[in-house]
């Protein structure tokens, strides 16, 4: 299961509206960085055969089959801290993050 806060859902909805099309947002993981894995977000226009769709807070969050094992239980939030803002991920399966915060290990 993937959960999303109201702030994150609102940001995704606004971005989809500005974009003018799309059915939701895809979250996945890729191998990169000092710790091994990083989160990847992209807007989705069409579902793939191996996608799982989670509807939460009025938006659809789509996860591919390979990433679902890593992302099950994930909470997506949208946070503003000073001049910085962006999506924040709380994953109960994370063991550690690298010093720059761009990648994580399980």
C-alpha atoms as a PDB file:
ATOM      1  CA  UNK A   1       0.000   0.000   0.000  1.00  0.00           C
ATOM      2  CA  UNK A   2       1.147   3.529  -0.818  1.00  0.00           C
ATOM      3  CA  UNK A   3      -0.229   6.485   1.175  1.00  0.00           C
ATOM      4  CA  UNK A   4      -0.170  10.152   0.296  1.00  0.00           C
ATOM      5  CA  UNK A   5      -0.797  13.241   2.412  1.00  0.00           C
ATOM      6  CA  UNK A   6      -3.332  15.912   1.479  1.00  0.00           C
ATOM      7  CA  UNK A   7      -0.478  18.373   0.723  1.00  0.00           C
ATOM      8  CA  UNK A   8       1.178  15.948  -1.689  1.00  0.00           C
ATOM      9  CA  UNK A   9      -2.136  15.063  -3.323  1.00  0.00           C
ATOM     10  CA  UNK A  10      -2.949  18.742  -3.807  1.00  0.00           C
ATOM     11  CA  UNK A  11       0.462  19.393  -5.410  1.00  0.00           C
ATOM     12  CA  UNK A  12       0.071  16.400  -7.743  1.00  0.00           C
ATOM     13  CA  UNK A  13      -3.468  17.453  -8.720  1.00  0.00           C
ATOM     14  CA  UNK A  14      -2.337  21.018  -9.417  1.00  0.00           C
ATOM     15  CA  UNK A  15       0.586  19.807 -11.522  1.00  0.00           C
ATOM     16  CA  UNK A  16      -1.652  17.448 -13.501  1.00  0.00           C
ATOM     17  CA  UNK A  17      -4.105  20.309 -14.107  1.00  0.00           C
ATOM     18  CA  UNK A  18      -1.280  22.590 -15.329  1.00  0.00           C
ATOM     19  CA  UNK A  19       0.025  19.776 -17.519  1.00  0.00           C
ATOM     20  CA  UNK A  20      -3.414  19.388 -19.066  1.00  0.00           C
ATOM     21  CA  UNK A  21      -3.441  15.577 -19.163  1.00  0.00           C
ATOM     22  CA  UNK A  22      -2.441  12.495 -17.203  1.00  0.00           C
ATOM     23  CA  UNK A  23      -4.054   9.929 -14.957  1.00  0.00           C
ATOM     24  CA  UNK A  24      -1.722  10.116 -11.965  1.00  0.00           C
ATOM     25  CA  UNK A  25       1.855   9.909 -10.819  1.00  0.00           C
ATOM     26  CA  UNK A  26       4.214   6.943 -10.991  1.00  0.00           C
ATOM     27  CA  UNK A  27       6.685   6.308  -8.221  1.00  0.00           C
ATOM     28  CA  UNK A  28       9.491   3.836  -8.622  1.00  0.00           C
ATOM     29  CA  UNK A  29      13.073   3.201  -7.629  1.00  0.00           C
ATOM     30  CA  UNK A  30      16.273   3.111  -9.631  1.00  0.00           C
ATOM     31  CA  UNK A  31      19.788   1.995  -8.821  1.00  0.00           C
ATOM     32  CA  UNK A  32      21.957   5.065  -8.269  1.00  0.00           C
ATOM     33  CA  UNK A  33      23.818   7.217  -5.767  1.00  0.00           C
ATOM     34  CA  UNK A  34      26.104   6.333  -2.910  1.00  0.00           C
ATOM     35  CA  UNK A  35      23.600   4.169  -1.062  1.00  0.00           C
ATOM     36  CA  UNK A  36      22.150   2.185  -3.937  1.00  0.00           C
ATOM     37  CA  UNK A  37      18.520   3.209  -4.580  1.00  0.00           C
ATOM     38  CA  UNK A  38      16.720   6.465  -5.356  1.00  0.00           C
ATOM     39  CA  UNK A  39      13.071   7.405  -5.747  1.00  0.00           C
ATOM     40  CA  UNK A  40      11.806   8.348  -9.204  1.00  0.00           C
ATOM     41  CA  UNK A  41       8.596  10.285  -9.920  1.00  0.00           C
ATOM     42  CA  UNK A  42       6.928  10.813 -13.293  1.00  0.00           C
ATOM     43  CA  UNK A  43       3.496  11.702 -14.566  1.00  0.00           C
ATOM     44  CA  UNK A  44       1.508   8.886 -16.142  1.00  0.00           C
ATOM     45  CA  UNK A  45      -0.659   9.069 -19.249  1.00  0.00           C
ATOM     46  CA  UNK A  46      -1.143   5.326 -19.753  1.00  0.00           C
ATOM     47  CA  UNK A  47      -0.890   2.274 -17.477  1.00  0.00           C
ATOM     48  CA  UNK A  48       1.544  -0.576 -18.132  1.00  0.00           C
ATOM     49  CA  UNK A  49       0.598  -4.245 -17.725  1.00  0.00           C
ATOM     50  CA  UNK A  50       2.583  -4.689 -14.487  1.00  0.00           C
ATOM     51  CA  UNK A  51       1.319  -1.487 -12.776  1.00  0.00           C
ATOM     52  CA  UNK A  52      -0.515  -1.419  -9.466  1.00  0.00           C
ATOM     53  CA  UNK A  53      -2.741   1.612  -8.857  1.00  0.00           C
ATOM     54  CA  UNK A  54      -3.377   3.120  -5.426  1.00  0.00           C
ATOM     55  CA  UNK A  55      -6.059   5.796  -5.118  1.00  0.00           C
ATOM     56  CA  UNK A  56      -5.521   8.038  -2.112  1.00  0.00           C
ATOM     57  CA  UNK A  57      -6.574  11.602  -1.310  1.00  0.00           C
ATOM     58  CA  UNK A  58      -8.134  12.026  -4.757  1.00  0.00           C
ATOM     59  CA  UNK A  59      -5.097  11.082  -6.851  1.00  0.00           C
ATOM     60  CA  UNK A  60      -3.801   7.881  -8.378  1.00  0.00           C
ATOM     61  CA  UNK A  61      -0.326   6.673  -7.416  1.00  0.00           C
ATOM     62  CA  UNK A  62       1.002   4.070  -9.836  1.00  0.00           C
ATOM     63  CA  UNK A  63       3.794   1.627  -8.990  1.00  0.00           C
ATOM     64  CA  UNK A  64       5.452  -0.877 -11.326  1.00  0.00           C
ATOM     65  CA  UNK A  65       5.720  -4.499 -10.226  1.00  0.00           C
ATOM     66  CA  UNK A  66       9.481  -4.425  -9.554  1.00  0.00           C
ATOM     67  CA  UNK A  67       9.335  -1.306  -7.374  1.00  0.00           C
ATOM     68  CA  UNK A  68       6.299  -2.407  -5.366  1.00  0.00           C
ATOM     69  CA  UNK A  69       8.373  -4.703  -3.139  1.00  0.00           C
ATOM     70  CA  UNK A  70      10.585  -1.761  -2.138  1.00  0.00           C
ATOM     71  CA  UNK A  71       7.787   0.811  -1.857  1.00  0.00           C
ATOM     72  CA  UNK A  72       5.079  -1.120  -0.003  1.00  0.00           C
ATOM     73  CA  UNK A  73       4.157   0.981   3.048  1.00  0.00           C
ATOM     74  CA  UNK A  74       5.554   4.245   1.608  1.00  0.00           C
ATOM     75  CA  UNK A  75       4.137   7.620   2.691  1.00  0.00           C
ATOM     76  CA  UNK A  76       4.482  10.508   0.216  1.00  0.00           C
ATOM     77  CA  UNK A  77       4.346  14.065   1.580  1.00  0.00           C
ATOM     78  CA  UNK A  78       5.031  17.513   0.115  1.00  0.00           C
ATOM     79  CA  UNK A  79       7.179  19.697   2.350  1.00  0.00           C
ATOM     80  CA  UNK A  80       8.387  23.301   2.314  1.00  0.00           C
ATOM     81  CA  UNK A  81      11.477  24.135   4.367  1.00  0.00           C
ATOM     82  CA  UNK A  82      12.728  27.689   3.936  1.00  0.00           C
ATOM     83  CA  UNK A  83      13.315  28.262   0.230  1.00  0.00           C
ATOM     84  CA  UNK A  84      13.248  24.540  -0.559  1.00  0.00           C
ATOM     85  CA  UNK A  85      10.185  22.478  -1.353  1.00  0.00           C
ATOM     86  CA  UNK A  86       9.556  19.024  -2.715  1.00  0.00           C
ATOM     87  CA  UNK A  87       8.202  15.559  -2.185  1.00  0.00           C
ATOM     88  CA  UNK A  88       9.370  13.709   0.907  1.00  0.00           C
ATOM     89  CA  UNK A  89       9.247   9.935   1.228  1.00  0.00           C
ATOM     90  CA  UNK A  90       8.887   7.991   4.467  1.00  0.00           C
ATOM     91  CA  UNK A  91       9.613   4.339   3.767  1.00  0.00           C
ATOM     92  CA  UNK A  92       9.541   1.852   6.656  1.00  0.00           C
ATOM     93  CA  UNK A  93      11.861  -0.423   4.653  1.00  0.00           C
ATOM     94  CA  UNK A  94      14.698   2.127   4.483  1.00  0.00           C
ATOM     95  CA  UNK A  95      17.703   1.215   6.615  1.00  0.00           C
ATOM     96  CA  UNK A  96      19.811   4.334   5.891  1.00  0.00           C
ATOM     97  CA  UNK A  97      20.218   7.315   3.574  1.00  0.00           C
ATOM     98  CA  UNK A  98      23.404   8.694   2.116  1.00  0.00           C
ATOM     99  CA  UNK A  99      24.792  11.977   3.449  1.00  0.00           C
ATOM    100  CA  UNK A 100      23.288  14.052   0.641  1.00  0.00           C
ATOM    101  CA  UNK A 101      19.868  12.405   1.081  1.00  0.00           C
ATOM    102  CA  UNK A 102      19.527  11.431  -2.583  1.00  0.00           C
ATOM    103  CA  UNK A 103      19.705   7.654  -2.174  1.00  0.00           C
ATOM    104  CA  UNK A 104      18.927   4.971   0.388  1.00  0.00           C
ATOM    105  CA  UNK A 105      19.552   1.342   1.320  1.00  0.00           C
ATOM    106  CA  UNK A 106      17.199  -1.367   2.457  1.00  0.00           C
END
